[in-house]
N, C-alpha and C. Protein backbone atom coordinates (compact mmCIF):
# COMPACT_ATOMS: atom_id res chain seq x y z
N MET A 1 -13.02 7.43 -12.24
CA MET A 1 -12.16 6.79 -13.20
C MET A 1 -12.53 5.31 -13.29
N LYS A 2 -12.71 4.84 -14.46
CA LYS A 2 -13.03 3.43 -14.72
C LYS A 2 -11.75 2.60 -14.65
N LEU A 3 -11.79 1.51 -13.89
CA LEU A 3 -10.61 0.66 -13.71
C LEU A 3 -10.66 -0.62 -14.53
N ILE A 4 -11.85 -1.10 -14.82
CA ILE A 4 -12.00 -2.39 -15.51
C ILE A 4 -11.38 -2.31 -16.91
N ASP A 5 -10.70 -3.36 -17.30
CA ASP A 5 -10.02 -3.49 -18.59
C ASP A 5 -8.82 -2.57 -18.74
N ASP A 6 -8.35 -1.98 -17.63
CA ASP A 6 -7.16 -1.16 -17.64
C ASP A 6 -6.32 -1.47 -16.39
N PHE A 7 -6.84 -1.15 -15.24
CA PHE A 7 -6.18 -1.43 -13.97
C PHE A 7 -6.30 -2.91 -13.60
N PHE A 8 -7.43 -3.52 -13.99
CA PHE A 8 -7.62 -4.95 -13.76
C PHE A 8 -8.41 -5.56 -14.90
N HIS A 9 -8.27 -6.88 -15.05
CA HIS A 9 -9.00 -7.63 -16.06
C HIS A 9 -9.70 -8.81 -15.41
N ILE A 10 -10.89 -9.09 -15.87
CA ILE A 10 -11.62 -10.26 -15.38
C ILE A 10 -11.13 -11.49 -16.11
N VAL A 11 -10.73 -12.50 -15.35
CA VAL A 11 -10.23 -13.76 -15.89
C VAL A 11 -11.37 -14.75 -16.01
N SER A 12 -12.20 -14.86 -14.97
CA SER A 12 -13.33 -15.79 -14.99
C SER A 12 -14.39 -15.34 -13.99
N GLU A 13 -15.59 -15.86 -14.18
CA GLU A 13 -16.71 -15.57 -13.29
C GLU A 13 -17.43 -16.87 -12.96
N ASN A 14 -17.96 -16.96 -11.76
CA ASN A 14 -18.70 -18.14 -11.35
C ASN A 14 -19.84 -17.72 -10.44
N LYS A 15 -21.06 -17.98 -10.85
CA LYS A 15 -22.24 -17.64 -10.06
C LYS A 15 -22.83 -18.90 -9.48
N ARG A 16 -22.97 -18.91 -8.16
CA ARG A 16 -23.67 -19.99 -7.47
C ARG A 16 -24.89 -19.42 -6.81
N GLU A 17 -25.66 -20.28 -6.21
CA GLU A 17 -26.92 -19.86 -5.60
C GLU A 17 -26.76 -18.67 -4.65
N SER A 18 -25.78 -18.72 -3.75
CA SER A 18 -25.69 -17.67 -2.74
C SER A 18 -24.43 -16.82 -2.85
N GLU A 19 -23.66 -17.00 -3.92
CA GLU A 19 -22.45 -16.20 -4.06
C GLU A 19 -22.08 -16.00 -5.52
N TYR A 20 -21.28 -14.97 -5.71
CA TYR A 20 -20.75 -14.65 -7.03
C TYR A 20 -19.26 -14.45 -6.86
N ARG A 21 -18.46 -15.20 -7.61
CA ARG A 21 -17.00 -15.10 -7.54
C ARG A 21 -16.45 -14.65 -8.89
N CYS A 22 -15.57 -13.68 -8.84
CA CYS A 22 -14.94 -13.17 -10.04
C CYS A 22 -13.44 -13.21 -9.83
N VAL A 23 -12.73 -13.90 -10.71
CA VAL A 23 -11.29 -13.96 -10.62
C VAL A 23 -10.72 -12.85 -11.49
N ILE A 24 -9.82 -12.07 -10.90
CA ILE A 24 -9.24 -10.93 -11.62
C ILE A 24 -7.72 -11.03 -11.64
N ARG A 25 -7.15 -10.30 -12.58
CA ARG A 25 -5.69 -10.13 -12.65
C ARG A 25 -5.44 -8.63 -12.69
N LEU A 26 -4.66 -8.15 -11.73
CA LEU A 26 -4.29 -6.73 -11.69
C LEU A 26 -3.19 -6.47 -12.71
N ASN A 27 -3.16 -5.26 -13.23
CA ASN A 27 -2.17 -4.86 -14.24
C ASN A 27 -0.95 -4.26 -13.53
N PRO A 28 0.13 -5.03 -13.36
CA PRO A 28 1.29 -4.53 -12.61
C PRO A 28 2.00 -3.38 -13.29
N SER A 29 1.77 -3.16 -14.59
CA SER A 29 2.43 -2.05 -15.28
C SER A 29 1.55 -0.79 -15.33
N HIS A 30 0.43 -0.83 -14.64
CA HIS A 30 -0.44 0.37 -14.59
C HIS A 30 0.30 1.52 -13.92
N ASN A 31 0.07 2.71 -14.41
CA ASN A 31 0.73 3.92 -13.92
C ASN A 31 0.58 4.11 -12.40
N LEU A 32 -0.54 3.73 -11.86
CA LEU A 32 -0.79 3.91 -10.42
C LEU A 32 0.28 3.23 -9.57
N TYR A 33 0.75 2.08 -10.01
CA TYR A 33 1.74 1.34 -9.23
C TYR A 33 3.12 2.00 -9.28
N THR A 34 3.36 2.89 -10.21
CA THR A 34 4.65 3.58 -10.24
C THR A 34 4.75 4.65 -9.16
N VAL A 35 3.60 5.07 -8.61
CA VAL A 35 3.61 6.09 -7.55
C VAL A 35 3.16 5.56 -6.20
N HIS A 36 2.47 4.45 -6.18
CA HIS A 36 1.99 3.88 -4.92
C HIS A 36 2.98 2.80 -4.48
N PHE A 37 3.96 3.22 -3.74
CA PHE A 37 5.07 2.41 -3.26
C PHE A 37 5.91 1.84 -4.41
N PRO A 38 6.59 2.71 -5.14
CA PRO A 38 7.46 2.25 -6.24
C PRO A 38 8.44 1.17 -5.77
N GLY A 39 8.57 0.15 -6.57
CA GLY A 39 9.44 -0.96 -6.23
C GLY A 39 8.80 -2.00 -5.34
N ASN A 40 7.73 -1.64 -4.68
CA ASN A 40 6.98 -2.55 -3.81
C ASN A 40 5.49 -2.19 -3.93
N PRO A 41 4.90 -2.38 -5.12
CA PRO A 41 3.55 -1.88 -5.37
C PRO A 41 2.48 -2.55 -4.51
N VAL A 42 1.56 -1.71 -4.03
CA VAL A 42 0.42 -2.17 -3.24
C VAL A 42 -0.82 -1.49 -3.82
N THR A 43 -1.90 -2.26 -3.92
CA THR A 43 -3.16 -1.73 -4.45
C THR A 43 -3.85 -0.89 -3.39
N PRO A 44 -4.15 0.38 -3.67
CA PRO A 44 -4.82 1.23 -2.70
C PRO A 44 -6.21 0.70 -2.34
N GLY A 45 -6.60 0.87 -1.09
CA GLY A 45 -7.92 0.41 -0.62
C GLY A 45 -9.06 0.99 -1.43
N VAL A 46 -8.96 2.26 -1.79
CA VAL A 46 -10.04 2.88 -2.56
C VAL A 46 -10.19 2.20 -3.92
N CYS A 47 -9.09 1.72 -4.50
CA CYS A 47 -9.17 1.00 -5.77
C CYS A 47 -9.84 -0.37 -5.58
N LEU A 48 -9.60 -1.00 -4.45
CA LEU A 48 -10.24 -2.29 -4.19
C LEU A 48 -11.75 -2.15 -4.07
N VAL A 49 -12.20 -1.06 -3.44
CA VAL A 49 -13.64 -0.79 -3.35
C VAL A 49 -14.20 -0.52 -4.76
N GLN A 50 -13.48 0.28 -5.54
CA GLN A 50 -13.92 0.59 -6.90
C GLN A 50 -13.96 -0.67 -7.77
N ILE A 51 -12.99 -1.56 -7.62
CA ILE A 51 -12.98 -2.82 -8.36
C ILE A 51 -14.24 -3.62 -8.03
N ALA A 52 -14.56 -3.73 -6.75
CA ALA A 52 -15.76 -4.48 -6.34
C ALA A 52 -17.01 -3.84 -6.95
N GLN A 53 -17.11 -2.52 -6.93
CA GLN A 53 -18.27 -1.84 -7.50
C GLN A 53 -18.39 -2.10 -9.01
N GLU A 54 -17.30 -1.97 -9.73
CA GLU A 54 -17.34 -2.17 -11.19
C GLU A 54 -17.68 -3.60 -11.56
N ILE A 55 -17.14 -4.57 -10.82
CA ILE A 55 -17.47 -5.96 -11.10
C ILE A 55 -18.95 -6.21 -10.86
N LEU A 56 -19.47 -5.73 -9.75
CA LEU A 56 -20.88 -5.94 -9.43
C LEU A 56 -21.79 -5.25 -10.43
N GLN A 57 -21.44 -4.05 -10.84
CA GLN A 57 -22.23 -3.34 -11.87
C GLN A 57 -22.27 -4.14 -13.16
N LYS A 58 -21.14 -4.65 -13.57
CA LYS A 58 -21.06 -5.44 -14.80
C LYS A 58 -21.90 -6.71 -14.67
N HIS A 59 -21.77 -7.38 -13.54
CA HIS A 59 -22.51 -8.62 -13.30
C HIS A 59 -24.02 -8.39 -13.30
N LEU A 60 -24.46 -7.33 -12.66
CA LEU A 60 -25.90 -7.07 -12.54
C LEU A 60 -26.47 -6.28 -13.72
N GLY A 61 -25.60 -5.63 -14.47
CA GLY A 61 -26.06 -4.80 -15.58
C GLY A 61 -26.83 -3.58 -15.09
N ARG A 62 -26.43 -3.07 -13.92
CA ARG A 62 -27.10 -1.91 -13.32
C ARG A 62 -26.06 -0.95 -12.78
N LYS A 63 -26.42 0.31 -12.73
CA LYS A 63 -25.53 1.36 -12.21
C LYS A 63 -25.68 1.40 -10.70
N LEU A 64 -24.55 1.38 -10.00
CA LEU A 64 -24.54 1.41 -8.54
C LEU A 64 -23.76 2.61 -8.04
N GLU A 65 -24.25 3.21 -6.96
CA GLU A 65 -23.58 4.33 -6.34
C GLU A 65 -23.29 3.98 -4.88
N LEU A 66 -22.02 3.87 -4.54
CA LEU A 66 -21.63 3.53 -3.18
C LEU A 66 -22.06 4.64 -2.23
N TYR A 67 -22.73 4.26 -1.13
CA TYR A 67 -23.04 5.27 -0.14
C TYR A 67 -22.61 4.89 1.27
N LYS A 68 -22.19 3.65 1.46
CA LYS A 68 -21.69 3.27 2.77
C LYS A 68 -20.76 2.07 2.65
N ALA A 69 -19.63 2.17 3.34
CA ALA A 69 -18.69 1.05 3.43
C ALA A 69 -18.43 0.83 4.92
N ARG A 70 -18.57 -0.40 5.36
CA ARG A 70 -18.34 -0.67 6.78
C ARG A 70 -17.65 -2.02 6.94
N ASN A 71 -17.24 -2.30 8.15
CA ASN A 71 -16.56 -3.56 8.47
C ASN A 71 -15.39 -3.82 7.52
N MET A 72 -14.66 -2.77 7.17
CA MET A 72 -13.54 -2.92 6.25
C MET A 72 -12.30 -3.37 7.02
N LYS A 73 -11.80 -4.51 6.61
CA LYS A 73 -10.60 -5.05 7.25
C LYS A 73 -9.58 -5.41 6.16
N PHE A 74 -8.46 -4.71 6.20
CA PHE A 74 -7.38 -4.95 5.27
C PHE A 74 -6.36 -5.81 5.99
N LYS A 75 -6.40 -7.10 5.73
CA LYS A 75 -5.59 -8.07 6.46
C LYS A 75 -4.17 -8.20 5.90
N LEU A 76 -4.06 -8.14 4.59
CA LEU A 76 -2.77 -8.22 3.91
C LEU A 76 -2.78 -7.27 2.73
N PRO A 77 -1.61 -6.73 2.34
CA PRO A 77 -1.58 -5.87 1.17
C PRO A 77 -1.87 -6.67 -0.11
N VAL A 78 -2.63 -6.08 -1.00
CA VAL A 78 -2.93 -6.70 -2.29
C VAL A 78 -1.90 -6.20 -3.29
N VAL A 79 -1.04 -7.10 -3.75
CA VAL A 79 0.00 -6.74 -4.71
C VAL A 79 -0.40 -7.24 -6.10
N PRO A 80 0.07 -6.58 -7.13
CA PRO A 80 -0.37 -6.91 -8.49
C PRO A 80 0.35 -8.11 -9.11
N THR A 81 0.33 -9.22 -8.42
CA THR A 81 0.89 -10.45 -8.97
C THR A 81 -0.15 -11.55 -8.83
N GLY A 82 -0.14 -12.47 -9.77
CA GLY A 82 -1.06 -13.60 -9.70
C GLY A 82 -2.50 -13.18 -9.91
N GLU A 83 -3.38 -14.08 -9.52
CA GLU A 83 -4.82 -13.83 -9.65
C GLU A 83 -5.45 -13.74 -8.27
N HIS A 84 -6.48 -12.92 -8.17
CA HIS A 84 -7.23 -12.74 -6.92
C HIS A 84 -8.71 -12.99 -7.20
N SER A 85 -9.39 -13.57 -6.24
CA SER A 85 -10.83 -13.75 -6.34
C SER A 85 -11.51 -12.63 -5.58
N VAL A 86 -12.54 -12.07 -6.19
CA VAL A 86 -13.40 -11.11 -5.52
C VAL A 86 -14.71 -11.86 -5.32
N LEU A 87 -15.06 -12.11 -4.06
CA LEU A 87 -16.21 -12.94 -3.72
C LEU A 87 -17.30 -12.08 -3.10
N PHE A 88 -18.50 -12.17 -3.65
CA PHE A 88 -19.65 -11.44 -3.15
C PHE A 88 -20.59 -12.46 -2.50
N THR A 89 -20.92 -12.23 -1.22
CA THR A 89 -21.85 -13.11 -0.52
C THR A 89 -22.89 -12.27 0.21
N LYS A 90 -23.95 -12.89 0.58
CA LYS A 90 -25.03 -12.22 1.33
C LYS A 90 -25.44 -10.93 0.66
N THR A 91 -25.70 -11.00 -0.63
CA THR A 91 -26.14 -9.81 -1.38
C THR A 91 -27.65 -9.67 -1.22
N VAL A 92 -28.06 -8.53 -0.70
CA VAL A 92 -29.47 -8.28 -0.43
C VAL A 92 -29.88 -6.99 -1.12
N GLU A 93 -30.97 -7.07 -1.89
CA GLU A 93 -31.51 -5.89 -2.58
C GLU A 93 -32.87 -5.56 -1.97
N GLU A 94 -33.02 -4.30 -1.56
CA GLU A 94 -34.30 -3.85 -1.03
C GLU A 94 -34.43 -2.34 -1.14
N GLU A 95 -35.61 -1.89 -1.50
CA GLU A 95 -35.96 -0.47 -1.55
C GLU A 95 -34.91 0.40 -2.25
N GLY A 96 -34.48 -0.02 -3.42
CA GLY A 96 -33.55 0.78 -4.21
C GLY A 96 -32.11 0.74 -3.74
N THR A 97 -31.79 -0.20 -2.82
CA THR A 97 -30.43 -0.35 -2.35
C THR A 97 -29.97 -1.80 -2.49
N LEU A 98 -28.68 -1.97 -2.45
CA LEU A 98 -28.08 -3.28 -2.50
C LEU A 98 -26.94 -3.32 -1.49
N THR A 99 -26.93 -4.36 -0.66
CA THR A 99 -25.88 -4.55 0.33
C THR A 99 -25.20 -5.89 0.05
N THR A 100 -23.88 -5.91 0.11
CA THR A 100 -23.16 -7.14 -0.15
C THR A 100 -21.90 -7.22 0.71
N ASN A 101 -21.55 -8.44 1.09
CA ASN A 101 -20.27 -8.69 1.75
C ASN A 101 -19.27 -9.06 0.66
N VAL A 102 -18.10 -8.48 0.72
CA VAL A 102 -17.08 -8.71 -0.30
C VAL A 102 -15.80 -9.18 0.39
N SER A 103 -15.16 -10.18 -0.21
CA SER A 103 -13.82 -10.56 0.24
C SER A 103 -12.92 -10.66 -0.99
N ILE A 104 -11.65 -10.36 -0.77
CA ILE A 104 -10.66 -10.48 -1.82
C ILE A 104 -9.63 -11.47 -1.29
N GLU A 105 -9.40 -12.53 -2.07
CA GLU A 105 -8.57 -13.63 -1.59
C GLU A 105 -7.87 -14.30 -2.75
N ASP A 106 -6.95 -15.18 -2.44
CA ASP A 106 -6.38 -16.08 -3.43
C ASP A 106 -6.44 -17.49 -2.83
N ALA A 107 -5.76 -18.42 -3.40
CA ALA A 107 -5.83 -19.80 -2.94
C ALA A 107 -5.31 -19.97 -1.50
N GLU A 108 -4.42 -19.07 -1.06
CA GLU A 108 -3.81 -19.24 0.25
C GLU A 108 -4.15 -18.17 1.27
N ASN A 109 -4.59 -16.99 0.83
CA ASN A 109 -4.73 -15.86 1.76
C ASN A 109 -6.05 -15.11 1.58
N LEU A 110 -6.50 -14.55 2.70
CA LEU A 110 -7.61 -13.61 2.70
C LEU A 110 -7.00 -12.23 2.89
N TYR A 111 -7.23 -11.32 1.91
CA TYR A 111 -6.60 -10.01 1.94
C TYR A 111 -7.50 -8.92 2.51
N VAL A 112 -8.76 -8.92 2.09
CA VAL A 112 -9.68 -7.85 2.45
C VAL A 112 -11.07 -8.41 2.67
N VAL A 113 -11.78 -7.87 3.65
CA VAL A 113 -13.21 -8.13 3.80
C VAL A 113 -13.88 -6.78 4.03
N MET A 114 -15.09 -6.64 3.48
CA MET A 114 -15.81 -5.38 3.62
C MET A 114 -17.29 -5.59 3.33
N THR A 115 -18.10 -4.74 3.89
CA THR A 115 -19.53 -4.72 3.58
C THR A 115 -19.79 -3.41 2.86
N LEU A 116 -20.37 -3.50 1.66
CA LEU A 116 -20.63 -2.31 0.84
C LEU A 116 -22.12 -2.15 0.62
N LYS A 117 -22.58 -0.91 0.71
CA LYS A 117 -23.98 -0.59 0.44
C LYS A 117 -24.04 0.38 -0.73
N PHE A 118 -24.92 0.08 -1.67
CA PHE A 118 -25.06 0.88 -2.88
C PHE A 118 -26.50 1.33 -3.06
N ARG A 119 -26.65 2.50 -3.66
CA ARG A 119 -27.94 2.92 -4.20
C ARG A 119 -27.98 2.40 -5.63
N ILE A 120 -29.12 1.87 -6.04
CA ILE A 120 -29.27 1.39 -7.41
C ILE A 120 -29.83 2.54 -8.25
N SER A 121 -29.07 2.93 -9.27
CA SER A 121 -29.50 4.01 -10.16
C SER A 121 -30.15 3.37 -11.39
N GLU A 122 -31.11 4.03 -11.92
CA GLU A 122 -31.78 3.53 -13.13
C GLU A 122 -31.14 4.08 -14.37
């Protein structure tokens, strides 16, 4: 299921030499939040991984297939209020794969950190 432009929207993007930051806004009225802790919505971890994959695919203009997720730490629940930054650092591409460190944060908190490995599809 595609989440971009429905479950979340990209507000801004910023590419620097060693990192790529994308500011997103989650859609609090999305149907998923009516069933995932109604009255106290929390973004499921699997959706956070999918958000990172879709943002990176859009940024690179390439199809990516997740094959490994490690070092996943969910420090705080991600709720659909305000804006969140999805930060990609230490992105390395080699032999048809791409590995990146991802963090999801806002101005005051770090919510999630994870290392994702993708196969690059043509």
